[in-house]
Amino acid sequence: MDMNQSAEIQAEIAQLRIWPRRYTVVALLALATAICYVDRVNISIAIIPLARDRGYNAAATGLVLSSFFWGYIGPQMLGGWLADRFGGKRVLSVGVLLWSVGTLLTPAAADISFGALLLMRAVLGLGESVHFPAVHSLAARWTVESERSRAISLYVSGVSFGTAVALIASPVIVLSMGWPAVFYISGILGVIWLLVWLVKAADVPAQCAGVTAHELALIRADQAQAPLAESIPWAAILREKNVWAIVIAHVCNNFGLYIILLWLPSYLHKTFSVPMERLGSYSIVPWIAAFGVGNFSGWIADGLRRQGMSLTAVRKLMQTLAFTLGAVPMLLLPLANSALVATALVTAATGGAAFGIAGFAANHLDIAPRYAGILMGLSNTFAQLPGIIGIALTGFIVNLTHSFAGAFYLIALIYMAGMVCYLTMGSGERRF
C-alpha cells in the first residue's frame, strides 16, 4: 500500500468519525417541533384550573382551545413561499421567536380579559404557522433521499414527543407552581433553542460552515435537486390531483389529531373523574405510542423502498394503515367503561394514525422537493380547518349531548373518507 492510498483511507476513517451536520439539523428540527407542541398543548392541562378560576363553560373552553388556529391558519402559504424562495433558517427563526413571546405573555393576557387570552393564543398560532412549511423546505435541501422517510419521521414525531412532555410535565408544574408557570418554562425553552439554531444551521448545506466537503458531495449525489425557488408554478400545483390527495389526507389526519390532542385531558377528567395529578400519566401514553410508531414507519418505508417497492405503493400502504388503525378504536371508544380502557383505545388510534408520517406527511418532498415548503403551506392551511371547526364543534357537542361519543364517531368517518381519497388520487412520483 503506497502513501497516497494510506492517506485516502485515513481521510475516509476521519470522515466516518465526524457527526454529519445534516443529523444535527434534523435533530434541531425535531426538537423545534417538540417545543412547538409543548407550547401548543400545555393549554389542554392549564385550561382545567384556568376555566375553573374564570368560570368558563365547555363552549368557552372550546373557543380558548381553538383560538390558536385563528392565527395558525393564515400565513402557512406565505411561510412556505418565503422558505422556498429565500431560505428556511430565517423563516423558522422568526416563527420560533414570535411563538415563544406569545407563550410567555399568555398568563398576562388571561389576567387582562377573555378576549386578550384569545388574542394571545392567536399570536402563538401565528408564530407556529411557519414551522412546518419552513421545516419541510429545509428538509428538502438537507436530507438525502435514502434517509428521507426516517428523517421526516424523526422530526414529525416531535409532535408526539412534545405532546408527551407537555402532558406529563404540565400537571406537575400546575400543582406545584401554578398554571402560569407552564407557559413561562416552555417559552424560555423556545428562546434557548433559537440561540442554538442560529449558530448551527443554514438555509442550505453549502452555506453551513459545519458541513464537510465529503458530506456536501454525499448530499448532492443522493438528493433530488432542490435549489431555492425563483418562481412558483402556482397553476400547475393547484391543478395537480396528487397535491390535493395530500391536502385531503392532511385535513382528515388533523381532524382526529387535534380533537384528541386538546380534548383528551378534559374527556378523561369529565367522563372518568381522573384527578389532575393523574391526567399526565393517562394522557401521555397515546403520544409515546405515536412517537414510536411514527419513527418505526419511517424505517419501514425506507426498507420497503430498498426492497424495490414503488414510492407510490409505499406511501399508500402507510396511509391506509394510518387511517384504518386510527378509525377502528374511535368506533369502540364510546363503549369504554374506565379511564384505562379509554386510554388503551386512544393509544391504539393515535399510534395507528402515526403510520401516516411515512404516508402523506413525507409525500410533499416526493412530488415536488423544490417546492416542499409551498406544498406543506398549502396542505397545512387547509389542515387547520379541523382545529378551528373540530375543536370548537366538540365543545358544542359535549354541551348538547353531555357525551364525547359524537365526536369520536365523526373522527372515524373522516378517517375513512380520507383513506378513499388518498388511495384514489395519491402518488409518490415526482411532478415538479
Protein backbone atom coordinates (compact mmCIF):
# COMPACT_ATOMS: atom_id res chain seq x y z
CA MET A 1 0.00 0.00 0.00
CA ASP A 2 1.51 3.32 -1.01
CA MET A 3 1.40 6.55 0.95
CA ASN A 4 -1.39 8.03 -1.20
CA GLN A 5 -3.69 5.05 -0.57
CA SER A 6 -2.93 5.17 3.13
CA ALA A 7 -3.76 8.89 3.24
CA GLU A 8 -7.04 8.29 1.41
CA ILE A 9 -8.01 5.53 3.84
CA GLN A 10 -7.17 7.74 6.82
CA ALA A 11 -9.27 10.52 5.31
CA GLU A 12 -12.23 8.15 4.89
CA ILE A 13 -11.91 6.98 8.51
CA ALA A 14 -11.80 10.59 9.68
CA GLN A 15 -14.98 11.36 7.75
CA LEU A 16 -16.75 8.42 9.38
CA ARG A 17 -15.86 9.77 12.83
CA ILE A 18 -17.37 13.18 12.12
CA TRP A 19 -21.00 13.59 13.17
CA PRO A 20 -22.69 14.79 9.94
CA ARG A 21 -24.13 18.28 10.23
CA ARG A 22 -27.33 17.14 8.47
CA TYR A 23 -28.01 14.93 11.51
CA THR A 24 -27.66 17.95 13.79
CA VAL A 25 -30.02 19.97 11.62
CA VAL A 26 -32.64 17.21 11.56
CA ALA A 27 -32.30 16.77 15.34
CA LEU A 28 -32.82 20.51 15.84
CA LEU A 29 -35.87 20.40 13.56
CA ALA A 30 -37.26 17.54 15.66
CA LEU A 31 -36.58 19.49 18.85
CA ALA A 32 -38.25 22.59 17.39
CA THR A 33 -41.32 20.51 16.56
CA ALA A 34 -41.36 19.17 20.11
CA ILE A 35 -41.14 22.68 21.62
CA CYS A 36 -43.79 23.85 19.18
CA TYR A 37 -46.18 21.23 20.53
CA VAL A 38 -45.23 21.78 24.15
CA ASP A 39 -46.27 25.41 23.70
CA ARG A 40 -49.42 24.37 21.87
CA VAL A 41 -50.56 21.53 24.12
CA ASN A 42 -49.84 22.83 27.62
CA ILE A 43 -53.10 24.79 27.42
CA SER A 44 -55.01 21.47 27.42
CA ILE A 45 -53.88 20.94 31.02
CA ALA A 46 -53.74 24.58 32.11
CA ILE A 47 -57.27 25.20 30.83
CA ILE A 48 -58.73 23.00 33.59
CA PRO A 49 -57.73 25.25 36.54
CA LEU A 50 -57.97 28.33 34.33
CA ALA A 51 -61.56 27.53 33.30
CA ARG A 52 -62.48 26.76 36.90
CA ASP A 53 -60.99 30.03 38.16
CA ARG A 54 -62.58 32.14 35.40
CA GLY A 55 -65.91 30.27 35.22
CA TYR A 56 -65.56 29.16 31.57
CA ASN A 57 -68.10 26.57 30.38
CA ALA A 58 -67.37 23.87 27.75
CA ALA A 59 -68.20 26.19 24.87
CA ALA A 60 -65.87 28.92 26.18
CA THR A 61 -63.17 26.32 26.80
CA GLY A 62 -63.56 25.16 23.20
CA LEU A 63 -63.05 28.73 22.00
CA VAL A 64 -59.85 29.08 24.03
CA LEU A 65 -58.53 25.78 22.69
CA SER A 66 -59.43 26.65 19.10
CA SER A 67 -58.26 30.28 19.12
CA PHE A 68 -54.70 29.13 18.46
CA PHE A 69 -55.81 28.11 14.99
CA TRP A 70 -57.14 31.56 14.15
CA GLY A 71 -53.55 32.75 13.87
CA TYR A 72 -52.15 29.44 12.72
CA ILE A 73 -54.17 29.06 9.54
CA GLY A 74 -53.34 32.36 7.82
CA PRO A 75 -49.62 32.62 6.95
CA GLN A 76 -48.96 28.97 6.02
CA MET A 77 -48.59 29.67 2.30
CA LEU A 78 -46.56 32.80 2.90
CA GLY A 79 -44.21 30.92 5.20
CA GLY A 80 -43.74 28.16 2.63
CA TRP A 81 -43.08 30.64 -0.17
CA LEU A 82 -40.58 32.63 1.88
CA ALA A 83 -38.74 29.46 2.91
CA ASP A 84 -38.56 28.04 -0.63
CA ARG A 85 -37.61 31.39 -2.13
CA PHE A 86 -35.23 32.90 0.44
CA GLY A 87 -34.35 30.01 2.77
CA GLY A 88 -35.94 28.31 5.74
CA LYS A 89 -33.49 29.22 8.50
CA ARG A 90 -34.61 32.82 8.89
CA VAL A 91 -38.29 31.99 8.45
CA LEU A 92 -38.16 29.34 11.18
CA SER A 93 -36.14 31.65 13.45
CA VAL A 94 -38.75 34.42 13.25
CA GLY A 95 -41.53 31.90 13.86
CA VAL A 96 -39.89 30.46 16.98
CA LEU A 97 -39.22 33.93 18.37
CA LEU A 98 -42.84 35.00 17.85
CA TRP A 99 -44.42 31.86 19.31
CA SER A 100 -42.07 31.95 22.32
CA VAL A 101 -43.08 35.54 23.08
CA GLY A 102 -46.76 34.60 22.66
CA THR A 103 -46.31 31.72 25.10
CA LEU A 104 -44.55 33.87 27.70
CA LEU A 105 -47.31 36.51 27.56
CA THR A 106 -50.27 34.11 27.80
CA PRO A 107 -50.73 34.36 31.61
CA ALA A 108 -50.68 38.16 31.46
CA ALA A 109 -53.27 38.11 28.68
CA ALA A 110 -55.55 35.82 30.70
CA ASP A 111 -55.41 38.31 33.59
CA ILE A 112 -56.46 41.15 31.30
CA SER A 113 -59.58 39.63 29.69
CA PHE A 114 -61.07 36.65 27.87
CA GLY A 115 -60.58 38.46 24.56
CA ALA A 116 -56.91 39.17 25.34
CA LEU A 117 -56.38 35.47 26.08
CA LEU A 118 -57.92 34.52 22.73
CA LEU A 119 -55.73 37.11 21.01
CA MET A 120 -52.51 35.82 22.59
CA ARG A 121 -53.35 32.24 21.65
CA ALA A 122 -53.84 33.50 18.09
CA VAL A 123 -50.41 35.19 18.24
CA LEU A 124 -48.91 31.88 19.33
CA GLY A 125 -50.60 30.28 16.33
CA LEU A 126 -49.25 32.98 14.04
CA GLY A 127 -45.67 32.19 15.08
CA GLU A 128 -46.12 28.44 14.78
CA SER A 129 -47.82 28.75 11.38
CA VAL A 130 -44.49 28.94 9.52
CA HIS A 131 -42.95 25.99 11.35
CA PHE A 132 -43.89 23.03 9.17
CA PRO A 133 -43.59 24.86 5.82
CA ALA A 134 -40.10 26.07 6.80
CA VAL A 135 -39.10 22.67 8.19
CA HIS A 136 -40.25 20.85 5.06
CA SER A 137 -38.40 23.34 2.89
CA LEU A 138 -35.22 22.83 4.93
CA ALA A 139 -35.62 19.05 4.86
CA ALA A 140 -35.85 19.03 1.06
CA ARG A 141 -32.42 20.66 0.95
CA TRP A 142 -30.71 18.96 3.91
CA THR A 143 -31.83 15.30 3.73
CA VAL A 144 -30.65 12.62 1.33
CA GLU A 145 -33.23 10.51 -0.43
CA SER A 146 -32.14 7.18 1.07
CA GLU A 147 -32.63 8.60 4.60
CA ARG A 148 -35.63 10.80 3.90
CA SER A 149 -38.52 8.82 5.38
CA ARG A 150 -36.57 8.27 8.61
CA ALA A 151 -35.56 11.93 8.81
CA ILE A 152 -39.10 13.15 8.25
CA SER A 153 -40.46 10.60 10.72
CA LEU A 154 -37.99 11.83 13.35
CA TYR A 155 -38.84 15.49 13.12
CA VAL A 156 -42.59 14.98 12.63
CA SER A 157 -42.60 12.60 15.62
CA GLY A 158 -41.54 15.65 17.60
CA VAL A 159 -45.30 16.28 17.61
CA SER A 160 -45.80 13.19 19.78
CA PHE A 161 -42.70 13.78 21.89
CA GLY A 162 -43.59 17.40 22.62
CA THR A 163 -47.17 16.42 23.39
CA ALA A 164 -45.99 13.72 25.79
CA VAL A 165 -43.65 16.14 27.56
CA ALA A 166 -46.39 18.74 27.88
CA LEU A 167 -48.91 16.24 29.24
CA ILE A 168 -46.58 14.66 31.79
CA ALA A 169 -44.86 17.85 32.95
CA SER A 170 -47.78 20.31 32.91
CA PRO A 171 -49.85 18.71 35.72
CA VAL A 172 -46.76 18.58 37.96
CA ILE A 173 -45.93 22.21 37.23
CA VAL A 174 -49.54 23.34 37.68
CA LEU A 175 -49.87 21.60 41.03
CA SER A 176 -46.51 22.76 42.37
CA MET A 177 -46.07 26.21 40.80
CA GLY A 178 -49.46 27.24 39.40
CA TRP A 179 -50.76 27.13 35.83
CA PRO A 180 -48.93 30.30 34.58
CA ALA A 181 -45.57 28.57 35.18
CA VAL A 182 -46.09 26.10 32.33
CA PHE A 183 -46.10 28.98 29.85
CA TYR A 184 -43.05 30.68 31.33
CA ILE A 185 -40.98 27.49 31.26
CA SER A 186 -41.92 26.41 27.74
CA GLY A 187 -41.46 29.94 26.39
CA ILE A 188 -37.91 30.04 27.75
CA LEU A 189 -37.16 26.67 26.11
CA GLY A 190 -38.02 28.19 22.73
CA VAL A 191 -35.58 31.06 23.27
CA ILE A 192 -32.77 28.65 24.19
CA TRP A 193 -33.44 26.55 21.08
CA LEU A 194 -33.34 29.64 18.91
CA LEU A 195 -29.86 30.59 20.13
CA VAL A 196 -28.50 27.14 19.25
CA TRP A 197 -30.26 27.13 15.87
CA LEU A 198 -28.75 30.45 14.83
CA VAL A 199 -25.25 29.01 15.40
CA LYS A 200 -25.65 25.51 13.96
CA ALA A 201 -27.96 25.78 10.92
CA ALA A 202 -28.07 27.36 7.46
CA ASP A 203 -30.60 27.64 4.64
CA VAL A 204 -28.72 25.08 2.52
CA PRO A 205 -25.77 22.76 3.30
CA ALA A 206 -23.38 24.68 1.01
CA GLN A 207 -23.78 27.76 3.25
CA CYS A 208 -23.07 25.92 6.50
CA ALA A 209 -19.52 26.04 7.87
CA GLY A 210 -20.05 22.76 9.73
CA VAL A 211 -20.64 20.73 6.56
CA THR A 212 -17.54 18.93 5.28
CA ALA A 213 -16.73 18.59 1.60
CA HIS A 214 -17.40 14.86 1.89
CA GLU A 215 -20.88 15.37 3.38
CA LEU A 216 -21.75 18.07 0.85
CA ALA A 217 -20.81 15.74 -2.01
CA LEU A 218 -22.93 12.96 -0.45
CA ILE A 219 -25.96 15.22 -0.12
CA ARG A 220 -25.65 16.43 -3.70
CA ALA A 221 -25.22 12.89 -5.04
CA ASP A 222 -28.17 11.31 -3.20
CA GLN A 223 -30.79 14.04 -3.34
CA ALA A 224 -33.39 15.28 -5.79
CA GLN A 225 -32.08 18.71 -6.70
CA ALA A 226 -33.95 21.40 -4.79
CA PRO A 227 -32.34 24.80 -5.27
CA LEU A 228 -34.13 27.82 -3.82
CA ALA A 229 -37.16 28.56 -5.99
CA GLU A 230 -37.02 31.75 -8.06
CA SER A 231 -40.61 31.33 -9.23
CA ILE A 232 -43.53 29.14 -8.20
CA PRO A 233 -45.69 27.25 -10.77
CA TRP A 234 -48.90 28.01 -8.91
CA ALA A 235 -51.30 27.00 -11.67
CA ALA A 236 -49.65 23.62 -12.20
CA ILE A 237 -49.53 22.95 -8.45
CA LEU A 238 -53.20 23.77 -7.97
CA ARG A 239 -54.21 21.57 -10.93
CA GLU A 240 -52.26 18.54 -9.74
CA LYS A 241 -54.52 15.87 -8.20
CA ASN A 242 -51.64 14.38 -6.20
CA VAL A 243 -51.32 17.69 -4.38
CA TRP A 244 -54.98 17.53 -3.42
CA ALA A 245 -54.60 13.92 -2.28
CA ILE A 246 -52.02 15.17 0.23
CA VAL A 247 -54.24 18.09 1.25
CA ILE A 248 -57.26 15.87 1.88
CA ALA A 249 -55.22 13.30 3.81
CA HIS A 250 -53.67 16.08 5.90
CA VAL A 251 -57.10 17.56 6.71
CA CYS A 252 -58.54 14.18 7.70
CA ASN A 253 -55.50 13.27 9.77
CA ASN A 254 -55.61 16.55 11.69
CA PHE A 255 -59.30 16.27 12.40
CA GLY A 256 -58.66 13.32 14.70
CA LEU A 257 -55.27 14.54 15.89
CA TYR A 258 -56.45 17.92 17.13
CA ILE A 259 -59.54 16.68 18.92
CA ILE A 260 -57.54 14.01 20.75
CA LEU A 261 -54.67 16.40 21.34
CA LEU A 262 -56.65 19.15 23.01
CA TRP A 263 -59.73 17.40 24.41
CA LEU A 264 -58.27 14.15 25.81
CA PRO A 265 -57.41 15.53 29.29
CA SER A 266 -60.86 17.12 29.61
CA TYR A 267 -62.52 13.91 28.34
CA LEU A 268 -60.73 11.79 30.93
CA HIS A 269 -61.39 14.34 33.67
CA LYS A 270 -65.10 14.80 32.90
CA THR A 271 -66.02 11.24 31.89
CA PHE A 272 -63.98 9.18 34.36
CA SER A 273 -63.18 11.77 37.05
CA VAL A 274 -59.44 11.35 36.57
CA PRO A 275 -57.83 13.82 39.01
CA MET A 276 -55.40 16.49 37.86
CA GLU A 277 -52.36 14.74 39.34
CA ARG A 278 -53.05 11.61 37.26
CA LEU A 279 -54.07 13.25 33.97
CA GLY A 280 -50.50 13.38 32.71
CA SER A 281 -49.83 9.68 33.24
CA TYR A 282 -53.01 8.74 31.34
CA SER A 283 -52.73 11.34 28.59
CA ILE A 284 -49.05 10.71 27.81
CA VAL A 285 -49.43 7.06 26.78
CA PRO A 286 -51.01 7.66 23.33
CA TRP A 287 -48.24 10.07 22.39
CA ILE A 288 -45.47 7.71 23.45
CA ALA A 289 -47.06 5.14 21.13
CA ALA A 290 -47.34 7.70 18.33
CA PHE A 291 -43.66 8.65 18.75
CA GLY A 292 -42.56 5.01 18.50
CA VAL A 293 -44.85 4.08 15.61
CA GLY A 294 -44.08 7.30 13.72
CA ASN A 295 -40.36 6.63 13.75
CA PHE A 296 -40.89 2.93 13.03
CA SER A 297 -42.97 3.85 9.98
CA GLY A 298 -40.02 5.76 8.52
CA TRP A 299 -37.73 2.74 8.85
CA ILE A 300 -40.40 0.51 7.27
CA ALA A 301 -40.89 2.91 4.36
CA ASP A 302 -37.16 3.23 3.64
CA GLY A 303 -36.80 -0.56 3.95
CA LEU A 304 -39.64 -1.23 1.50
CA ARG A 305 -38.02 1.18 -0.95
CA ARG A 306 -34.71 -0.68 -0.69
CA GLN A 307 -36.57 -3.90 -1.49
CA GLY A 308 -37.92 -2.40 -4.69
CA MET A 309 -41.47 -1.34 -3.79
CA SER A 310 -42.53 1.76 -5.69
CA LEU A 311 -42.74 5.01 -3.76
CA THR A 312 -46.43 5.32 -4.65
CA ALA A 313 -47.18 1.89 -3.18
CA VAL A 314 -45.18 2.67 -0.03
CA ARG A 315 -46.99 5.94 0.62
CA LYS A 316 -50.44 4.42 0.00
CA LEU A 317 -49.69 1.41 2.22
CA MET A 318 -48.55 3.62 5.09
CA GLN A 319 -51.56 5.91 4.78
CA THR A 320 -54.04 3.05 4.55
CA LEU A 321 -52.63 1.59 7.76
CA ALA A 322 -52.84 5.02 9.39
CA PHE A 323 -56.48 5.73 8.61
CA THR A 324 -57.72 2.17 9.24
CA LEU A 325 -55.88 1.69 12.54
CA GLY A 326 -56.90 5.20 13.57
CA ALA A 327 -60.61 4.75 12.84
CA VAL A 328 -61.48 1.40 14.38
CA PRO A 329 -60.61 2.30 18.00
CA MET A 330 -62.59 5.54 17.66
CA LEU A 331 -65.71 3.49 16.91
CA LEU A 332 -65.14 1.49 20.08
CA LEU A 333 -64.21 4.39 22.35
CA PRO A 334 -67.79 5.33 23.36
CA LEU A 335 -68.10 1.82 24.85
CA ALA A 336 -65.15 2.34 27.20
CA ASN A 337 -66.18 1.87 30.85
CA SER A 338 -62.99 3.04 32.53
CA ALA A 339 -60.16 5.50 32.05
CA LEU A 340 -57.77 2.59 31.48
CA VAL A 341 -59.84 1.13 28.63
CA ALA A 342 -60.37 4.57 27.10
CA THR A 343 -56.64 5.29 27.23
CA ALA A 344 -55.86 1.94 25.60
CA LEU A 345 -58.26 2.67 22.73
CA VAL A 346 -56.97 6.22 22.24
CA THR A 347 -53.42 4.83 22.29
CA ALA A 348 -54.29 2.32 19.57
CA ALA A 349 -55.90 5.05 17.45
CA THR A 350 -53.11 7.59 17.90
CA GLY A 351 -50.36 5.05 17.39
CA GLY A 352 -52.06 3.67 14.29
CA ALA A 353 -52.58 7.12 12.80
CA ALA A 354 -48.84 7.77 13.19
CA PHE A 355 -48.15 5.49 10.20
CA GLY A 356 -49.28 8.50 8.18
CA ILE A 357 -45.95 10.22 8.90
CA ALA A 358 -44.44 7.91 6.27
CA GLY A 359 -47.55 8.41 4.13
CA PHE A 360 -48.95 11.85 3.35
CA ALA A 361 -46.51 13.72 5.62
CA ALA A 362 -43.48 12.68 3.55
CA ASN A 363 -45.29 12.91 0.23
CA HIS A 364 -44.69 16.64 -0.32
CA LEU A 365 -40.96 16.02 -0.76
CA ASP A 366 -41.61 13.15 -3.20
CA ILE A 367 -43.67 15.03 -5.74
CA ALA A 368 -42.06 18.49 -5.52
CA PRO A 369 -38.84 18.73 -3.48
CA ARG A 370 -38.05 22.23 -4.74
CA TYR A 371 -41.48 23.48 -3.62
CA ALA A 372 -41.83 21.34 -0.47
CA GLY A 373 -42.38 24.42 1.72
CA ILE A 374 -45.11 25.73 -0.56
CA LEU A 375 -46.87 22.36 -0.66
CA MET A 376 -46.68 21.98 3.10
CA GLY A 377 -48.01 25.53 3.45
CA LEU A 378 -50.91 24.68 1.16
CA SER A 379 -51.85 21.39 2.83
CA ASN A 380 -51.28 22.73 6.34
CA THR A 381 -53.50 25.74 5.63
CA PHE A 382 -56.45 23.51 4.85
CA ALA A 383 -55.45 21.12 7.63
CA GLN A 384 -56.07 23.81 10.25
CA LEU A 385 -59.79 23.92 9.47
CA PRO A 386 -60.33 20.91 11.77
CA GLY A 387 -58.57 22.87 14.50
CA ILE A 388 -60.92 25.80 14.12
CA ILE A 389 -64.08 23.83 13.41
CA GLY A 390 -63.48 20.44 15.02
CA ILE A 391 -62.18 21.68 18.38
CA ALA A 392 -64.98 24.21 18.84
CA LEU A 393 -67.57 21.74 17.46
CA THR A 394 -66.51 19.16 20.04
CA GLY A 395 -67.22 21.67 22.79
CA PHE A 396 -70.71 22.29 21.44
CA ILE A 397 -71.34 18.53 21.00
CA VAL A 398 -70.37 17.91 24.62
CA ASN A 399 -72.56 20.80 25.79
CA LEU A 400 -75.52 19.49 23.78
CA THR A 401 -75.23 15.72 24.32
CA HIS A 402 -73.17 15.57 27.54
CA SER A 403 -71.02 12.98 25.78
CA PHE A 404 -67.94 12.79 23.55
CA ALA A 405 -69.33 9.87 21.51
CA GLY A 406 -70.49 12.01 18.57
CA ALA A 407 -67.03 13.48 18.15
CA PHE A 408 -65.40 10.02 18.18
CA TYR A 409 -67.76 8.65 15.52
CA LEU A 410 -67.13 11.70 13.37
CA ILE A 411 -63.35 11.16 13.57
CA ALA A 412 -63.74 7.58 12.32
CA LEU A 413 -65.92 8.69 9.41
CA ILE A 414 -63.46 11.41 8.39
CA TYR A 415 -60.55 8.94 8.51
CA MET A 416 -62.31 6.52 6.18
CA ALA A 417 -63.18 9.27 3.71
CA GLY A 418 -59.54 10.39 3.72
CA MET A 419 -58.32 6.88 3.01
CA VAL A 420 -60.56 6.51 -0.04
CA CYS A 421 -59.42 9.85 -1.46
CA TYR A 422 -55.72 9.13 -0.92
CA LEU A 423 -55.92 5.67 -2.50
CA THR A 424 -57.73 7.13 -5.49
CA MET A 425 -55.64 10.26 -6.08
CA GLY A 426 -52.27 9.86 -4.36
CA SER A 427 -48.85 9.24 -5.93
CA GLY A 428 -45.18 9.15 -4.94
CA GLU A 429 -43.83 10.12 -8.33
CA ARG A 430 -42.12 13.47 -8.80
CA ARG A 431 -44.38 16.01 -10.55
CA PHE A 432 -42.44 19.28 -10.27
